[in-house]
Amino acid sequence: MSIQTSPLQGVKGLTILDKIVERKREEVAAAKANVSVTQLESSALFNRETYSFKDFLLDPARTGIIAEFKRRSPSKGIINDKVSVEDVTTGYAAAGASALSVLTDTDFFMGTQQDIAKARAVNQIPILRKDFMIDEYQVLEAKAWGADIILLIAAILTPKEIDTLASLAKSLGLNVLLEVHNMEELQRSIHPKLDAIGVNNRNLADFTVSVQTSFDLADHIPNDFMKISESAISNTKVINELKQAGFNGFLIGENFMKQENPGDAMKEFVKGLS
């Protein structure tokens, strides 16, 4: 299964998201030709028991922060390419992160498969494979590489595709985070096999950000799911307000990664959490 069209293709010209999806199709085809499903399933990590995203998010000893390792972004360019994934992610975990988000897209974010492998080797908390999932093969990759959570982006997936990918993920013991950007995506994409629904405060068509998006959608996300706010979170006051609105998790990357020592930056940041 793979995406045939993007819901954003009606936008005049190709958006960054369209370009990423087009490139992702090529990457997946190349990966399939290089590494078979059988090889993925025989990986040393394929049968490991995954960590529960919900348990770590709700652990009172942790912060609810999903701390992200991200070297670059399409909108900002290089954010920080001088630090190691091991140093950053262990720093995040020590500062109380409930989970780690690790980018594996290479062309647009400078992420790699090895980044997840390196983070997995030195951490005992859930890891999200942050990528643009359009094919069941990528779900198998995530499991083989040691991830605990996959991301499904509603903007690039139909309800049927979400069902297919989420069902496979759950059969493998993976947690599923669905990302939405607006009410339309939320209403058409809710699925019983999701563990969490994330509101991305970044408009993927033009990359502007507004945390108000999370507040607007908070009450429309069923309480059956963990609620995550993603992007545009740069101070603890906003997190405390999001908690009051019912959010359990907060994905933060750029705010930490733009500092010389992201782990220390998070350690200082969480001092302001109530």
C-alpha atoms as a PDB file:
ATOM      1  CA  MET A   1       0.000   0.000   0.000  1.00  0.00           C
ATOM      2  CA  SER A   2       1.239   3.485  -0.807  1.00  0.00           C
ATOM      3  CA  ILE A   3      -0.181   6.949  -1.279  1.00  0.00           C
ATOM      4  CA  GLN A   4      -1.465   7.830  -4.718  1.00  0.00           C
ATOM      5  CA  THR A   5      -2.490  11.437  -4.121  1.00  0.00           C
ATOM      6  CA  SER A   6      -1.957  14.084  -1.493  1.00  0.00           C
ATOM      7  CA  PRO A   7      -4.951  16.032  -0.094  1.00  0.00           C
ATOM      8  CA  LEU A   8      -2.785  19.138  -0.453  1.00  0.00           C
ATOM      9  CA  GLN A   9      -2.293  18.812  -4.193  1.00  0.00           C
ATOM     10  CA  GLY A  10      -5.175  21.202  -4.781  1.00  0.00           C
ATOM     11  CA  VAL A  11      -2.951  23.950  -3.424  1.00  0.00           C
ATOM     12  CA  LYS A  12      -1.445  26.017  -6.230  1.00  0.00           C
ATOM     13  CA  GLY A  13       1.917  24.465  -7.043  1.00  0.00           C
ATOM     14  CA  LEU A  14       3.602  21.774  -4.994  1.00  0.00           C
ATOM     15  CA  THR A  15       3.831  22.362  -1.251  1.00  0.00           C
ATOM     16  CA  ILE A  16       6.830  21.222   0.773  1.00  0.00           C
ATOM     17  CA  LEU A  17       4.672  18.363   2.021  1.00  0.00           C
ATOM     18  CA  ASP A  18       3.874  17.278  -1.545  1.00  0.00           C
ATOM     19  CA  LYS A  19       7.584  17.273  -2.389  1.00  0.00           C
ATOM     20  CA  ILE A  20       8.408  15.230   0.705  1.00  0.00           C
ATOM     21  CA  VAL A  21       5.758  12.629  -0.126  1.00  0.00           C
ATOM     22  CA  GLU A  22       6.951  12.349  -3.721  1.00  0.00           C
ATOM     23  CA  ARG A  23      10.513  11.790  -2.514  1.00  0.00           C
ATOM     24  CA  LYS A  24       9.289   9.346   0.127  1.00  0.00           C
ATOM     25  CA  ARG A  25       7.732   7.122  -2.545  1.00  0.00           C
ATOM     26  CA  GLU A  26      11.129   6.881  -4.227  1.00  0.00           C
ATOM     27  CA  GLU A  27      12.876   6.141  -0.927  1.00  0.00           C
ATOM     28  CA  VAL A  28      10.458   3.375   0.004  1.00  0.00           C
ATOM     29  CA  ALA A  29      10.823   1.730  -3.404  1.00  0.00           C
ATOM     30  CA  ALA A  30      14.613   1.816  -3.062  1.00  0.00           C
ATOM     31  CA  ALA A  31      14.491   0.464   0.497  1.00  0.00           C
ATOM     32  CA  LYS A  32      12.267  -2.443  -0.548  1.00  0.00           C
ATOM     33  CA  ALA A  33      14.730  -3.342  -3.279  1.00  0.00           C
ATOM     34  CA  ASN A  34      17.630  -3.219  -0.828  1.00  0.00           C
ATOM     35  CA  VAL A  35      16.238  -4.867   2.337  1.00  0.00           C
ATOM     36  CA  SER A  36      13.561  -7.562   2.194  1.00  0.00           C
ATOM     37  CA  VAL A  37      10.657  -7.895   4.618  1.00  0.00           C
ATOM     38  CA  THR A  38      12.200 -11.161   5.777  1.00  0.00           C
ATOM     39  CA  GLN A  39      15.418  -9.338   6.630  1.00  0.00           C
ATOM     40  CA  LEU A  40      13.498  -6.720   8.604  1.00  0.00           C
ATOM     41  CA  GLU A  41      11.588  -9.403  10.499  1.00  0.00           C
ATOM     42  CA  SER A  42      14.846 -11.178  11.391  1.00  0.00           C
ATOM     43  CA  SER A  43      16.342  -8.016  12.906  1.00  0.00           C
ATOM     44  CA  ALA A  44      17.605  -8.387  16.467  1.00  0.00           C
ATOM     45  CA  LEU A  45      15.158  -5.699  17.618  1.00  0.00           C
ATOM     46  CA  PHE A  46      12.078  -6.862  15.716  1.00  0.00           C
ATOM     47  CA  ASN A  47      10.713  -9.026  18.521  1.00  0.00           C
ATOM     48  CA  ARG A  48      11.591  -6.749  21.429  1.00  0.00           C
ATOM     49  CA  GLU A  49       8.710  -5.758  23.684  1.00  0.00           C
ATOM     50  CA  THR A  50       7.896  -2.106  23.075  1.00  0.00           C
ATOM     51  CA  TYR A  51       7.434   0.512  25.777  1.00  0.00           C
ATOM     52  CA  SER A  52       3.918   1.815  26.456  1.00  0.00           C
ATOM     53  CA  PHE A  53       3.587   5.403  25.233  1.00  0.00           C
ATOM     54  CA  LYS A  54       0.621   5.988  27.565  1.00  0.00           C
ATOM     55  CA  ASP A  55       2.414   4.682  30.662  1.00  0.00           C
ATOM     56  CA  PHE A  56       5.377   6.993  30.137  1.00  0.00           C
ATOM     57  CA  LEU A  57       3.205  10.012  29.257  1.00  0.00           C
ATOM     58  CA  LEU A  58       1.138   9.623  32.430  1.00  0.00           C
ATOM     59  CA  ASP A  59       4.072   8.772  34.708  1.00  0.00           C
ATOM     60  CA  PRO A  60       4.031  11.552  37.360  1.00  0.00           C
ATOM     61  CA  ALA A  61       7.822  11.286  37.649  1.00  0.00           C
ATOM     62  CA  ARG A  62       8.137  12.449  34.025  1.00  0.00           C
ATOM     63  CA  THR A  63       7.271  15.679  32.239  1.00  0.00           C
ATOM     64  CA  GLY A  64       4.959  14.662  29.384  1.00  0.00           C
ATOM     65  CA  ILE A  65       7.512  16.158  26.988  1.00  0.00           C
ATOM     66  CA  ILE A  66       8.325  14.250  23.797  1.00  0.00           C
ATOM     67  CA  ALA A  67      11.779  15.665  23.163  1.00  0.00           C
ATOM     68  CA  GLU A  68      12.924  15.685  19.569  1.00  0.00           C
ATOM     69  CA  PHE A  69      16.286  15.125  17.938  1.00  0.00           C
ATOM     70  CA  LYS A  70      16.207  17.150  14.714  1.00  0.00           C
ATOM     71  CA  ARG A  71      19.243  18.453  12.816  1.00  0.00           C
ATOM     72  CA  ARG A  72      17.415  20.548  10.229  1.00  0.00           C
ATOM     73  CA  SER A  73      13.961  21.404   8.917  1.00  0.00           C
ATOM     74  CA  PRO A  74      12.698  22.498   5.490  1.00  0.00           C
ATOM     75  CA  SER A  75      11.609  25.868   6.871  1.00  0.00           C
ATOM     76  CA  LYS A  76      14.598  26.701   9.115  1.00  0.00           C
ATOM     77  CA  GLY A  77      17.481  24.909   7.425  1.00  0.00           C
ATOM     78  CA  ILE A  78      20.249  23.647   9.726  1.00  0.00           C
ATOM     79  CA  ILE A  79      19.174  23.829  13.382  1.00  0.00           C
ATOM     80  CA  ASN A  80      22.028  21.900  14.997  1.00  0.00           C
ATOM     81  CA  ASP A  81      24.289  19.409  13.243  1.00  0.00           C
ATOM     82  CA  LYS A  82      27.109  19.540  15.798  1.00  0.00           C
ATOM     83  CA  VAL A  83      25.694  17.237  18.485  1.00  0.00           C
ATOM     84  CA  SER A  84      25.411  13.452  18.739  1.00  0.00           C
ATOM     85  CA  VAL A  85      22.105  11.635  18.996  1.00  0.00           C
ATOM     86  CA  GLU A  86      23.404   9.668  21.992  1.00  0.00           C
ATOM     87  CA  ASP A  87      24.347  12.778  23.995  1.00  0.00           C
ATOM     88  CA  VAL A  88      21.154  14.645  23.168  1.00  0.00           C
ATOM     89  CA  THR A  89      18.678  11.838  23.765  1.00  0.00           C
ATOM     90  CA  THR A  90      20.250  10.657  27.024  1.00  0.00           C
ATOM     91  CA  GLY A  91      20.237  14.285  28.152  1.00  0.00           C
ATOM     92  CA  TYR A  92      16.561  14.514  27.319  1.00  0.00           C
ATOM     93  CA  ALA A  93      15.780  11.298  29.190  1.00  0.00           C
ATOM     94  CA  ALA A  94      17.716  12.472  32.244  1.00  0.00           C
ATOM     95  CA  ALA A  95      15.762  15.745  32.187  1.00  0.00           C
ATOM     96  CA  GLY A  96      12.473  13.838  32.424  1.00  0.00           C
ATOM     97  CA  ALA A  97      11.360  13.298  28.835  1.00  0.00           C
ATOM     98  CA  SER A  98       8.408  10.917  28.559  1.00  0.00           C
ATOM     99  CA  ALA A  99       9.465   9.887  25.055  1.00  0.00           C
ATOM    100  CA  LEU A 100      11.974  10.704  22.354  1.00  0.00           C
ATOM    101  CA  SER A 101      11.180  11.755  18.796  1.00  0.00           C
ATOM    102  CA  VAL A 102      13.876  10.895  16.278  1.00  0.00           C
ATOM    103  CA  LEU A 103      13.706  12.085  12.665  1.00  0.00           C
ATOM    104  CA  THR A 104      14.574   9.445  10.084  1.00  0.00           C
ATOM    105  CA  ASP A 105      13.898  11.483   6.919  1.00  0.00           C
ATOM    106  CA  THR A 106      17.253  12.195   5.272  1.00  0.00           C
ATOM    107  CA  ASP A 107      16.681  14.627   2.412  1.00  0.00           C
ATOM    108  CA  PHE A 108      14.621  17.214   4.284  1.00  0.00           C
ATOM    109  CA  PHE A 109      15.609  16.701   7.940  1.00  0.00           C
ATOM    110  CA  MET A 110      19.084  15.076   7.843  1.00  0.00           C
ATOM    111  CA  GLY A 111      17.821  12.107   9.842  1.00  0.00           C
ATOM    112  CA  THR A 112      18.894   8.470   9.412  1.00  0.00           C
ATOM    113  CA  GLN A 113      17.960   4.958  10.412  1.00  0.00           C
ATOM    114  CA  GLN A 114      21.160   4.899  12.466  1.00  0.00           C
ATOM    115  CA  ASP A 115      19.865   7.764  14.617  1.00  0.00           C
ATOM    116  CA  ILE A 116      17.081   5.552  15.974  1.00  0.00           C
ATOM    117  CA  ALA A 117      19.454   2.628  16.449  1.00  0.00           C
ATOM    118  CA  LYS A 118      21.885   4.821  18.396  1.00  0.00           C
ATOM    119  CA  ALA A 119      19.119   6.350  20.530  1.00  0.00           C
ATOM    120  CA  ARG A 120      17.636   2.917  21.240  1.00  0.00           C
ATOM    121  CA  ALA A 121      20.987   1.541  22.388  1.00  0.00           C
ATOM    122  CA  VAL A 122      21.341   4.112  25.184  1.00  0.00           C
ATOM    123  CA  ASN A 123      17.740   4.834  26.293  1.00  0.00           C
ATOM    124  CA  GLN A 124      14.994   3.001  28.171  1.00  0.00           C
ATOM    125  CA  ILE A 125      12.035   5.201  27.257  1.00  0.00           C
ATOM    126  CA  PRO A 126       9.729   5.132  24.196  1.00  0.00           C
ATOM    127  CA  ILE A 127      11.091   6.301  20.852  1.00  0.00           C
ATOM    128  CA  LEU A 128       8.925   7.750  18.098  1.00  0.00           C
ATOM    129  CA  ARG A 129      10.028   7.168  14.527  1.00  0.00           C
ATOM    130  CA  LYS A 130       9.337  10.652  13.142  1.00  0.00           C
ATOM    131  CA  ASP A 131       8.863  10.327   9.402  1.00  0.00           C
ATOM    132  CA  PHE A 132       6.289  10.508   6.630  1.00  0.00           C
ATOM    133  CA  MET A 133       4.681   7.069   6.719  1.00  0.00           C
ATOM    134  CA  ILE A 134       3.003   6.108   3.444  1.00  0.00           C
ATOM    135  CA  ASP A 135       3.627   2.368   3.220  1.00  0.00           C
ATOM    136  CA  GLU A 136       3.348  -0.717   5.411  1.00  0.00           C
ATOM    137  CA  TYR A 137       7.026  -1.413   4.755  1.00  0.00           C
ATOM    138  CA  GLN A 138       7.940   1.677   6.806  1.00  0.00           C
ATOM    139  CA  VAL A 139       6.015   0.305   9.787  1.00  0.00           C
ATOM    140  CA  LEU A 140       8.056  -2.890   9.599  1.00  0.00           C
ATOM    141  CA  GLU A 141      11.208  -0.774   9.392  1.00  0.00           C
ATOM    142  CA  ALA A 142      10.202   1.144  12.530  1.00  0.00           C
ATOM    143  CA  LYS A 143       9.771  -2.095  14.459  1.00  0.00           C
ATOM    144  CA  ALA A 144      13.046  -3.523  13.139  1.00  0.00           C
ATOM    145  CA  TRP A 145      14.976  -0.374  14.032  1.00  0.00           C
ATOM    146  CA  GLY A 146      13.814  -0.327  17.667  1.00  0.00           C
ATOM    147  CA  ALA A 147      11.067   2.307  17.611  1.00  0.00           C
ATOM    148  CA  ASP A 148       8.081   2.082  19.956  1.00  0.00           C
ATOM    149  CA  ILE A 149       5.785   4.614  18.277  1.00  0.00           C
ATOM    150  CA  ILE A 150       4.971   5.492  14.680  1.00  0.00           C
ATOM    151  CA  LEU A 151       3.567   8.769  13.391  1.00  0.00           C
ATOM    152  CA  LEU A 152       0.660   8.853  10.950  1.00  0.00           C
ATOM    153  CA  ILE A 153       0.033  12.251   9.342  1.00  0.00           C
ATOM    154  CA  ALA A 154      -3.627  12.752   8.430  1.00  0.00           C
ATOM    155  CA  ALA A 155      -2.765  15.346   5.771  1.00  0.00           C
ATOM    156  CA  ILE A 156      -1.132  12.683   3.586  1.00  0.00           C
ATOM    157  CA  LEU A 157      -3.288   9.640   4.401  1.00  0.00           C
ATOM    158  CA  THR A 158      -6.839   8.563   3.649  1.00  0.00           C
ATOM    159  CA  PRO A 159      -8.970   6.959   6.391  1.00  0.00           C
ATOM    160  CA  LYS A 160      -8.432   3.565   4.737  1.00  0.00           C
ATOM    161  CA  GLU A 161      -4.653   4.046   4.737  1.00  0.00           C
ATOM    162  CA  ILE A 162      -4.726   5.088   8.398  1.00  0.00           C
ATOM    163  CA  ASP A 163      -6.677   1.906   9.169  1.00  0.00           C
ATOM    164  CA  THR A 164      -4.155  -0.260   7.288  1.00  0.00           C
ATOM    165  CA  LEU A 165      -1.046   1.298   8.826  1.00  0.00           C
ATOM    166  CA  ALA A 166      -2.468   1.535  12.362  1.00  0.00           C
ATOM    167  CA  SER A 167      -3.705  -2.061  12.268  1.00  0.00           C
ATOM    168  CA  LEU A 168      -0.296  -3.340  11.209  1.00  0.00           C
ATOM    169  CA  ALA A 169       1.440  -1.239  13.846  1.00  0.00           C
ATOM    170  CA  LYS A 170      -0.778  -2.547  16.628  1.00  0.00           C
ATOM    171  CA  SER A 171      -0.260  -6.132  15.468  1.00  0.00           C
ATOM    172  CA  LEU A 172       3.476  -5.551  15.953  1.00  0.00           C
ATOM    173  CA  GLY A 173       3.035  -3.995  19.392  1.00  0.00           C
ATOM    174  CA  LEU A 174       3.803  -0.474  18.219  1.00  0.00           C
ATOM    175  CA  ASN A 175       2.059   2.606  19.596  1.00  0.00           C
ATOM    176  CA  VAL A 176       0.338   4.887  17.072  1.00  0.00           C
ATOM    177  CA  LEU A 177       0.314   8.688  17.151  1.00  0.00           C
ATOM    178  CA  LEU A 178      -1.987  10.360  14.628  1.00  0.00           C
ATOM    179  CA  GLU A 179      -1.119  13.935  13.672  1.00  0.00           C
ATOM    180  CA  VAL A 180      -3.830  16.386  12.599  1.00  0.00           C
ATOM    181  CA  HIS A 181      -3.748  20.068  11.693  1.00  0.00           C
ATOM    182  CA  ASN A 182      -7.423  21.026  11.628  1.00  0.00           C
ATOM    183  CA  MET A 183     -10.961  19.888  12.403  1.00  0.00           C
ATOM    184  CA  GLU A 184     -11.524  18.249   9.013  1.00  0.00           C
ATOM    185  CA  GLU A 185      -8.469  16.009   9.402  1.00  0.00           C
ATOM    186  CA  LEU A 186      -9.461  15.133  12.963  1.00  0.00           C
ATOM    187  CA  GLN A 187     -13.028  14.186  12.151  1.00  0.00           C
ATOM    188  CA  ARG A 188     -12.167  11.954   9.177  1.00  0.00           C
ATOM    189  CA  SER A 189      -9.157  10.269  10.778  1.00  0.00           C
ATOM    190  CA  ILE A 190     -10.169   9.117  14.275  1.00  0.00           C
ATOM    191  CA  HIS A 191      -9.629   5.366  14.511  1.00  0.00           C
ATOM    192  CA  PRO A 192      -9.934   2.932  17.450  1.00  0.00           C
ATOM    193  CA  LYS A 193      -6.415   1.581  16.939  1.00  0.00           C
ATOM    194  CA  LEU A 194      -4.799   4.948  17.657  1.00  0.00           C
ATOM    195  CA  ASP A 195      -3.124   5.517  21.017  1.00  0.00           C
ATOM    196  CA  ALA A 196      -2.723   9.270  20.797  1.00  0.00           C
ATOM    197  CA  ILE A 197      -3.837  12.193  18.676  1.00  0.00           C
ATOM    198  CA  GLY A 198      -1.396  15.027  18.162  1.00  0.00           C
ATOM    199  CA  VAL A 199      -2.317  18.514  17.053  1.00  0.00           C
ATOM    200  CA  ASN A 200       0.472  19.964  14.956  1.00  0.00           C
ATOM    201  CA  ASN A 201       0.451  23.717  15.500  1.00  0.00           C
ATOM    202  CA  ARG A 202       2.432  24.133  12.290  1.00  0.00           C
ATOM    203  CA  ASN A 203       0.573  24.701   9.035  1.00  0.00           C
ATOM    204  CA  LEU A 204       2.279  22.249   6.669  1.00  0.00           C
ATOM    205  CA  ALA A 205       1.251  24.234   3.610  1.00  0.00           C
ATOM    206  CA  ASP A 206       3.139  27.401   4.596  1.00  0.00           C
ATOM    207  CA  PHE A 207       4.951  26.325   7.842  1.00  0.00           C
ATOM    208  CA  THR A 208       3.486  29.143   9.976  1.00  0.00           C
ATOM    209  CA  VAL A 209       2.834  28.170  13.606  1.00  0.00           C
ATOM    210  CA  SER A 210       0.144  28.967  16.178  1.00  0.00           C
ATOM    211  CA  VAL A 211      -0.421  27.072  19.432  1.00  0.00           C
ATOM    212  CA  GLN A 212      -4.030  28.283  19.308  1.00  0.00           C
ATOM    213  CA  THR A 213      -4.662  25.336  16.961  1.00  0.00           C
ATOM    214  CA  SER A 214      -4.259  22.967  19.919  1.00  0.00           C
ATOM    215  CA  PHE A 215      -6.633  24.941  22.126  1.00  0.00           C
ATOM    216  CA  ASP A 216      -9.214  25.051  19.333  1.00  0.00           C
ATOM    217  CA  LEU A 217      -9.182  21.267  18.830  1.00  0.00           C
ATOM    218  CA  ALA A 218      -8.676  20.097  22.433  1.00  0.00           C
ATOM    219  CA  ASP A 219     -12.319  19.479  23.302  1.00  0.00           C
ATOM    220  CA  HIS A 220     -12.984  17.748  19.984  1.00  0.00           C
ATOM    221  CA  ILE A 221     -10.442  14.973  20.597  1.00  0.00           C
ATOM    222  CA  PRO A 222     -12.185  12.061  22.360  1.00  0.00           C
ATOM    223  CA  ASN A 223     -10.843  11.335  25.827  1.00  0.00           C
ATOM    224  CA  ASP A 224     -10.174   7.742  24.753  1.00  0.00           C
ATOM    225  CA  PHE A 225      -6.913   8.999  23.269  1.00  0.00           C
ATOM    226  CA  MET A 226      -3.852  10.664  24.717  1.00  0.00           C
ATOM    227  CA  LYS A 227      -3.770  14.288  23.553  1.00  0.00           C
ATOM    228  CA  ILE A 228      -0.485  15.712  22.259  1.00  0.00           C
ATOM    229  CA  SER A 229       0.373  19.277  21.262  1.00  0.00           C
ATOM    230  CA  GLU A 230       3.172  19.583  18.723  1.00  0.00           C
ATOM    231  CA  SER A 231       5.337  22.537  17.643  1.00  0.00           C
ATOM    232  CA  ALA A 232       5.275  26.241  18.650  1.00  0.00           C
ATOM    233  CA  ILE A 233       5.882  25.402  22.326  1.00  0.00           C
ATOM    234  CA  SER A 234       8.676  27.577  23.644  1.00  0.00           C
ATOM    235  CA  ASN A 235       7.822  28.215  27.315  1.00  0.00           C
ATOM    236  CA  THR A 236       6.431  26.337  30.285  1.00  0.00           C
ATOM    237  CA  LYS A 237       3.505  28.724  30.712  1.00  0.00           C
ATOM    238  CA  VAL A 238       2.074  27.382  27.448  1.00  0.00           C
ATOM    239  CA  ILE A 239       2.559  23.783  28.619  1.00  0.00           C
ATOM    240  CA  ASN A 240       0.778  24.488  31.894  1.00  0.00           C
ATOM    241  CA  GLU A 241      -2.118  26.051  29.941  1.00  0.00           C
ATOM    242  CA  LEU A 242      -2.217  23.079  27.552  1.00  0.00           C
ATOM    243  CA  LYS A 243      -2.371  20.715  30.536  1.00  0.00           C
ATOM    244  CA  GLN A 244      -5.394  22.621  31.803  1.00  0.00           C
ATOM    245  CA  ALA A 245      -6.966  22.176  28.351  1.00  0.00           C
ATOM    246  CA  GLY A 246      -6.532  18.400  28.645  1.00  0.00           C
ATOM    247  CA  PHE A 247      -3.263  17.717  26.851  1.00  0.00           C
ATOM    248  CA  ASN A 248      -1.037  14.903  28.145  1.00  0.00           C
ATOM    249  CA  GLY A 249       2.021  15.338  25.950  1.00  0.00           C
ATOM    250  CA  PHE A 250       4.048  18.099  24.342  1.00  0.00           C
ATOM    251  CA  LEU A 251       6.383  17.544  21.411  1.00  0.00           C
ATOM    252  CA  ILE A 252       9.300  19.957  21.530  1.00  0.00           C
ATOM    253  CA  GLY A 253      12.328  19.891  19.276  1.00  0.00           C
ATOM    254  CA  GLU A 254      13.545  23.135  17.819  1.00  0.00           C
ATOM    255  CA  ASN A 255      13.369  24.996  21.145  1.00  0.00           C
ATOM    256  CA  PHE A 256      15.947  22.586  22.585  1.00  0.00           C
ATOM    257  CA  MET A 257      17.903  21.681  19.460  1.00  0.00           C
ATOM    258  CA  LYS A 258      18.809  25.282  18.652  1.00  0.00           C
ATOM    259  CA  GLN A 259      20.848  25.392  21.865  1.00  0.00           C
ATOM    260  CA  GLU A 260      24.468  24.232  22.097  1.00  0.00           C
ATOM    261  CA  ASN A 261      23.497  21.504  24.587  1.00  0.00           C
ATOM    262  CA  PRO A 262      19.872  20.451  23.993  1.00  0.00           C
ATOM    263  CA  GLY A 263      19.767  18.156  27.034  1.00  0.00           C
ATOM    264  CA  ASP A 264      20.849  20.948  29.372  1.00  0.00           C
ATOM    265  CA  ALA A 265      18.369  23.279  27.661  1.00  0.00           C
ATOM    266  CA  MET A 266      15.538  20.894  28.483  1.00  0.00           C
ATOM    267  CA  LYS A 267      16.774  20.494  32.054  1.00  0.00           C
ATOM    268  CA  GLU A 268      16.529  24.256  32.556  1.00  0.00           C
ATOM    269  CA  PHE A 269      13.208  24.450  30.722  1.00  0.00           C
ATOM    270  CA  VAL A 270      11.370  21.918  32.897  1.00  0.00           C
ATOM    271  CA  LYS A 271      12.142  23.868  36.077  1.00  0.00           C
ATOM    272  CA  GLY A 272       9.200  26.068  35.134  1.00  0.00           C
ATOM    273  CA  LEU A 273       6.666  23.222  34.923  1.00  0.00           C
ATOM    274  CA  SER A 274       3.953  23.054  37.565  1.00  0.00           C
END
